[in-house]
N, C-alpha and C. Protein backbone atom coordinates (compact mmCIF):
# COMPACT_ATOMS: atom_id res chain seq x y z
N MET A 1 89.16 -58.88 -73.75
CA MET A 1 89.66 -60.36 -72.92
C MET A 1 87.61 -61.07 -72.37
N LYS A 2 87.27 -59.45 -71.78
CA LYS A 2 85.77 -60.09 -71.39
C LYS A 2 85.16 -60.36 -72.77
N ARG A 3 84.80 -60.18 -73.24
CA ARG A 3 83.75 -60.62 -74.33
C ARG A 3 84.38 -61.89 -74.82
N LEU A 4 85.63 -62.27 -75.29
CA LEU A 4 85.99 -63.63 -75.49
C LEU A 4 85.81 -64.61 -74.20
N SER A 5 85.74 -64.17 -72.93
CA SER A 5 85.33 -64.87 -72.20
C SER A 5 83.30 -65.03 -72.07
N ILE A 6 83.03 -64.30 -72.65
CA ILE A 6 81.45 -64.82 -73.15
C ILE A 6 81.19 -65.17 -73.89
N ILE A 7 81.80 -64.86 -74.72
CA ILE A 7 81.61 -66.14 -76.08
C ILE A 7 82.05 -67.40 -76.09
N VAL A 8 82.85 -67.73 -75.14
CA VAL A 8 83.28 -69.19 -74.62
C VAL A 8 82.20 -69.50 -73.78
N PHE A 9 81.90 -69.09 -73.00
CA PHE A 9 80.57 -69.32 -71.91
C PHE A 9 79.76 -69.42 -72.88
N ILE A 10 79.32 -68.94 -73.55
CA ILE A 10 78.01 -69.17 -74.67
C ILE A 10 78.08 -70.21 -75.50
N THR A 11 79.27 -70.26 -75.84
CA THR A 11 78.97 -71.41 -76.79
C THR A 11 79.87 -73.07 -76.18
N LEU A 12 80.10 -72.98 -74.64
CA LEU A 12 80.10 -73.99 -73.84
C LEU A 12 78.70 -74.73 -73.42
N LEU A 13 77.90 -73.16 -73.35
CA LEU A 13 76.50 -73.54 -72.87
C LEU A 13 75.40 -74.21 -74.03
N ILE A 14 75.81 -73.74 -74.94
CA ILE A 14 75.05 -74.32 -76.40
C ILE A 14 75.72 -75.67 -76.15
N LEU A 15 77.11 -75.76 -76.45
CA LEU A 15 77.73 -77.33 -76.22
C LEU A 15 76.87 -78.21 -75.32
N ALA A 16 76.87 -77.95 -73.88
CA ALA A 16 75.93 -78.53 -72.93
C ALA A 16 74.78 -79.00 -73.00
N ASN A 17 74.20 -77.98 -73.49
CA ASN A 17 72.93 -78.43 -73.84
C ASN A 17 72.28 -79.03 -75.17
N SER A 18 72.89 -79.55 -75.79
CA SER A 18 73.30 -80.33 -77.19
C SER A 18 73.58 -81.38 -76.43
N ALA A 19 74.42 -81.32 -75.55
CA ALA A 19 74.64 -82.76 -74.93
C ALA A 19 73.75 -83.80 -74.77
N PHE A 20 72.42 -83.12 -74.28
CA PHE A 20 71.29 -84.18 -73.12
C PHE A 20 70.35 -83.98 -74.09
N ALA A 21 70.44 -83.39 -75.24
CA ALA A 21 69.15 -83.23 -76.66
C ALA A 21 69.60 -84.29 -77.60
N ALA A 22 68.79 -85.33 -77.66
CA ALA A 22 68.76 -86.20 -79.48
C ALA A 22 67.57 -85.66 -80.46
N ASN A 23 67.74 -86.74 -81.07
CA ASN A 23 66.91 -86.51 -82.43
C ASN A 23 65.56 -87.52 -82.08
N VAL A 24 64.84 -87.80 -82.87
CA VAL A 24 63.87 -89.12 -82.83
C VAL A 24 63.10 -88.93 -84.15
N GLU A 25 63.06 -90.01 -84.53
CA GLU A 25 62.20 -90.30 -85.93
C GLU A 25 61.57 -91.42 -86.15
N GLY A 26 60.77 -91.75 -87.11
CA GLY A 26 60.02 -92.88 -87.34
C GLY A 26 58.95 -92.26 -88.47
N THR A 27 57.98 -93.70 -88.43
CA THR A 27 57.02 -93.24 -89.04
C THR A 27 55.77 -93.93 -88.81
N VAL A 28 54.63 -93.18 -88.91
CA VAL A 28 53.42 -93.67 -88.65
C VAL A 28 52.74 -94.43 -90.07
N SER A 29 52.20 -95.88 -89.69
CA SER A 29 51.37 -96.60 -90.76
C SER A 29 49.97 -96.85 -90.62
N HIS A 30 49.13 -97.37 -91.40
CA HIS A 30 48.06 -97.86 -91.06
C HIS A 30 48.58 -99.34 -90.78
N ALA A 31 47.42 -99.70 -89.96
CA ALA A 31 47.93 -101.06 -88.95
C ALA A 31 47.27 -101.86 -89.76
N ASP A 32 46.36 -101.90 -91.01
CA ASP A 32 45.73 -102.50 -91.69
C ASP A 32 46.53 -102.99 -92.96
N THR A 33 47.02 -101.84 -93.62
CA THR A 33 47.58 -101.61 -94.71
C THR A 33 49.08 -101.76 -95.20
N GLY A 34 48.94 -101.65 -93.74
CA GLY A 34 50.73 -101.22 -93.74
C GLY A 34 51.43 -99.79 -94.73
N GLU A 35 50.38 -99.15 -95.23
CA GLU A 35 50.59 -97.74 -96.27
C GLU A 35 51.05 -96.61 -95.31
N PRO A 36 51.83 -95.85 -95.27
CA PRO A 36 52.20 -94.84 -94.54
C PRO A 36 51.30 -93.88 -94.47
N VAL A 37 50.63 -93.44 -93.24
CA VAL A 37 49.83 -92.13 -92.82
C VAL A 37 50.49 -90.63 -93.10
N ALA A 38 50.06 -90.07 -94.33
CA ALA A 38 50.07 -88.46 -94.54
C ALA A 38 49.78 -88.07 -93.74
N TYR A 39 50.53 -87.09 -93.31
CA TYR A 39 49.90 -85.90 -92.66
C TYR A 39 48.96 -85.60 -91.45
N ALA A 40 49.48 -86.90 -90.51
CA ALA A 40 49.55 -86.95 -89.30
C ALA A 40 49.85 -86.27 -88.12
N LEU A 41 49.44 -85.90 -87.09
CA LEU A 41 50.32 -84.95 -86.11
C LEU A 41 51.16 -86.23 -85.18
N VAL A 42 51.72 -86.13 -85.03
CA VAL A 42 52.89 -86.50 -83.70
C VAL A 42 53.34 -85.77 -82.70
N ILE A 43 52.74 -86.20 -81.53
CA ILE A 43 53.39 -85.07 -80.79
C ILE A 43 53.94 -85.71 -79.37
N PHE A 44 55.09 -85.72 -79.02
CA PHE A 44 55.69 -86.41 -77.61
C PHE A 44 55.29 -85.20 -76.22
N VAL A 45 54.86 -86.16 -75.23
CA VAL A 45 53.97 -85.37 -73.95
C VAL A 45 55.29 -86.26 -73.35
N LEU A 46 55.40 -85.36 -72.23
CA LEU A 46 56.62 -85.51 -71.00
C LEU A 46 55.66 -85.17 -69.67
N ASP A 47 55.52 -86.02 -69.13
CA ASP A 47 54.63 -85.57 -67.64
C ASP A 47 53.82 -83.94 -67.84
N ASP A 48 53.23 -85.11 -68.74
CA ASP A 48 51.64 -84.14 -69.29
C ASP A 48 52.42 -82.81 -69.76
N ASN A 49 52.99 -82.52 -70.26
CA ASN A 49 53.69 -81.38 -70.90
C ASN A 49 54.26 -81.81 -72.06
N GLU A 50 53.53 -81.11 -73.32
CA GLU A 50 54.08 -81.23 -74.74
C GLU A 50 55.19 -80.92 -74.69
N VAL A 51 55.97 -81.88 -75.78
CA VAL A 51 57.30 -80.84 -75.23
C VAL A 51 57.97 -81.02 -77.46
N ALA A 52 56.94 -81.40 -78.02
CA ALA A 52 57.47 -81.35 -79.44
C ALA A 52 56.35 -81.94 -80.24
N ARG A 53 56.03 -81.04 -81.54
CA ARG A 53 55.26 -82.37 -82.60
C ARG A 53 55.69 -81.98 -83.60
N LYS A 54 54.68 -82.69 -84.47
CA LYS A 54 55.92 -82.96 -85.89
C LYS A 54 54.14 -83.36 -86.55
N ILE A 55 54.36 -83.39 -87.69
CA ILE A 55 53.67 -83.40 -89.09
C ILE A 55 54.22 -84.33 -90.15
N THR A 56 53.43 -85.65 -90.16
CA THR A 56 54.59 -86.36 -91.30
C THR A 56 54.54 -85.82 -92.37
N GLY A 57 55.20 -86.39 -93.42
CA GLY A 57 55.23 -86.24 -94.81
C GLY A 57 54.10 -86.92 -95.54
N ASP A 58 54.62 -86.92 -96.81
CA ASP A 58 53.69 -87.96 -97.82
C ASP A 58 53.77 -89.20 -97.15
N ASP A 59 55.31 -89.71 -97.08
CA ASP A 59 55.83 -90.87 -96.70
C ASP A 59 55.23 -91.64 -95.47
N GLY A 60 54.56 -90.69 -94.43
CA GLY A 60 53.97 -91.41 -93.22
C GLY A 60 55.78 -90.78 -92.09
N TYR A 61 56.44 -90.31 -92.67
CA TYR A 61 57.84 -89.73 -91.79
C TYR A 61 57.81 -88.72 -90.78
N TYR A 62 58.79 -88.99 -90.08
CA TYR A 62 58.80 -87.43 -89.12
C TYR A 62 60.39 -87.57 -88.19
N PHE A 63 60.42 -86.43 -88.04
CA PHE A 63 61.59 -86.32 -87.36
C PHE A 63 61.83 -84.81 -86.51
N ILE A 64 62.36 -85.16 -85.46
CA ILE A 64 62.04 -84.27 -84.33
C ILE A 64 63.73 -83.80 -83.80
N ARG A 65 64.32 -82.93 -84.16
CA ARG A 65 65.36 -82.55 -83.43
C ARG A 65 65.08 -82.21 -81.51
N ASN A 66 66.62 -82.64 -81.20
CA ASN A 66 66.35 -81.83 -79.41
C ASN A 66 65.37 -82.29 -79.00
N ILE A 67 65.35 -83.56 -79.05
CA ILE A 67 64.31 -83.97 -77.76
C ILE A 67 65.41 -84.80 -76.42
N SER A 68 64.84 -83.87 -75.16
CA SER A 68 65.52 -84.72 -74.24
C SER A 68 65.50 -86.01 -74.06
N GLU A 69 66.08 -86.71 -73.11
CA GLU A 69 65.89 -88.02 -72.63
C GLU A 69 64.64 -88.01 -71.89
N GLY A 70 63.99 -89.36 -71.74
CA GLY A 70 62.76 -89.49 -70.82
C GLY A 70 61.83 -90.58 -71.42
N THR A 71 61.14 -90.77 -70.86
CA THR A 71 59.72 -91.89 -70.87
C THR A 71 58.96 -90.85 -71.49
N TYR A 72 58.39 -90.80 -72.63
CA TYR A 72 56.89 -89.91 -73.27
C TYR A 72 55.64 -90.87 -73.72
N THR A 73 54.56 -90.12 -73.77
CA THR A 73 53.71 -90.76 -74.41
C THR A 73 53.77 -90.02 -75.53
N VAL A 74 53.43 -90.48 -76.39
CA VAL A 74 52.98 -89.90 -77.73
C VAL A 74 51.91 -89.96 -77.98
N ARG A 75 50.98 -89.05 -78.96
CA ARG A 75 49.91 -89.09 -79.32
C ARG A 75 50.23 -88.88 -80.62
N ILE A 76 49.04 -89.20 -81.66
CA ILE A 76 49.04 -89.21 -83.28
C ILE A 76 47.73 -88.84 -83.06
N LEU A 77 47.61 -87.93 -83.62
CA LEU A 77 45.84 -87.48 -84.33
C LEU A 77 46.04 -87.04 -86.09
N TYR A 78 45.32 -88.04 -86.47
CA TYR A 78 45.17 -88.31 -87.48
C TYR A 78 43.33 -88.46 -88.39
N ARG A 79 42.75 -87.44 -88.99
CA ARG A 79 41.52 -87.58 -89.10
C ARG A 79 40.92 -87.06 -88.36
N GLU A 80 39.90 -88.07 -87.38
CA GLU A 80 39.00 -87.64 -86.51
C GLU A 80 39.50 -88.79 -84.90
N GLU A 81 40.65 -89.37 -85.40
CA GLU A 81 41.15 -90.33 -84.69
C GLU A 81 41.92 -89.81 -83.46
N THR A 82 42.56 -90.26 -82.17
CA THR A 82 43.86 -89.91 -81.47
C THR A 82 44.15 -91.66 -80.89
N ARG A 83 45.74 -92.02 -81.44
CA ARG A 83 45.63 -93.01 -80.78
C ARG A 83 47.23 -92.36 -80.06
N GLU A 84 47.16 -93.36 -78.61
CA GLU A 84 47.98 -92.68 -77.59
C GLU A 84 49.11 -94.07 -77.28
N PHE A 85 50.19 -93.61 -77.17
CA PHE A 85 50.80 -94.62 -76.60
C PHE A 85 52.41 -94.75 -75.64
N SER A 86 52.20 -95.29 -75.17
CA SER A 86 52.72 -95.07 -73.35
C SER A 86 54.28 -95.95 -73.20
N ASP A 87 54.92 -95.54 -72.11
CA ASP A 87 56.33 -95.65 -72.22
C ASP A 87 57.40 -95.96 -73.66
N ILE A 88 57.06 -94.92 -74.06
CA ILE A 88 58.11 -94.16 -75.25
C ILE A 88 59.38 -93.60 -74.81
N VAL A 89 60.55 -94.74 -74.67
CA VAL A 89 61.56 -94.08 -74.13
C VAL A 89 62.73 -93.65 -74.99
N VAL A 90 63.33 -92.63 -74.67
CA VAL A 90 64.00 -91.73 -75.53
C VAL A 90 65.42 -91.57 -74.91
N GLY A 91 66.53 -92.76 -75.24
CA GLY A 91 67.61 -92.28 -74.38
C GLY A 91 69.21 -91.69 -75.11
N PRO A 92 69.89 -91.61 -74.71
CA PRO A 92 70.88 -90.08 -75.05
C PRO A 92 70.89 -89.90 -76.59
N SER A 93 70.98 -91.40 -77.15
CA SER A 93 71.21 -91.23 -78.64
C SER A 93 69.74 -90.84 -79.27
N GLY A 94 69.29 -90.36 -78.84
CA GLY A 94 67.29 -90.56 -79.95
C GLY A 94 66.75 -91.91 -79.89
N GLY A 95 66.25 -92.06 -80.69
CA GLY A 95 65.55 -93.14 -81.77
C GLY A 95 65.28 -93.10 -82.66
N THR A 96 64.22 -94.33 -82.70
CA THR A 96 63.55 -94.50 -84.10
C THR A 96 62.26 -95.31 -83.81
N PHE A 97 60.99 -94.63 -83.90
CA PHE A 97 59.89 -95.07 -83.10
C PHE A 97 58.88 -95.02 -84.10
N ASN A 98 58.41 -96.58 -84.63
CA ASN A 98 57.42 -96.35 -85.63
C ASN A 98 55.97 -96.63 -85.00
N PHE A 99 54.70 -96.29 -85.30
CA PHE A 99 53.82 -96.44 -85.20
C PHE A 99 52.56 -96.93 -86.14
N GLU A 100 51.88 -97.79 -85.48
CA GLU A 100 50.86 -98.08 -86.30
C GLU A 100 49.38 -97.77 -86.01
N ILE A 101 48.46 -97.42 -86.88
CA ILE A 101 47.28 -96.34 -86.33
C ILE A 101 46.37 -97.25 -87.04
């Protein structure tokens, strides 16, 4: 019985944690041409702490799982350049965020 209680507790803890996290996705493209930016590093920062990072694919697409709600700064590093985007709001259902650099 005690083992079952522990399993139920752990399962509820996992479910509760996933209820407060969402997924974000989007693309990074060149501002001049609209072409996708492959292999750019996308970093989500919350309160000066890096929360998540992902490298875009050949198509400029990125996908980040289990990110908490909040207002983020997103930094995109590509080649020798860093672009920063402020006030990116991730809601309870996540979101799609496309960036042009």
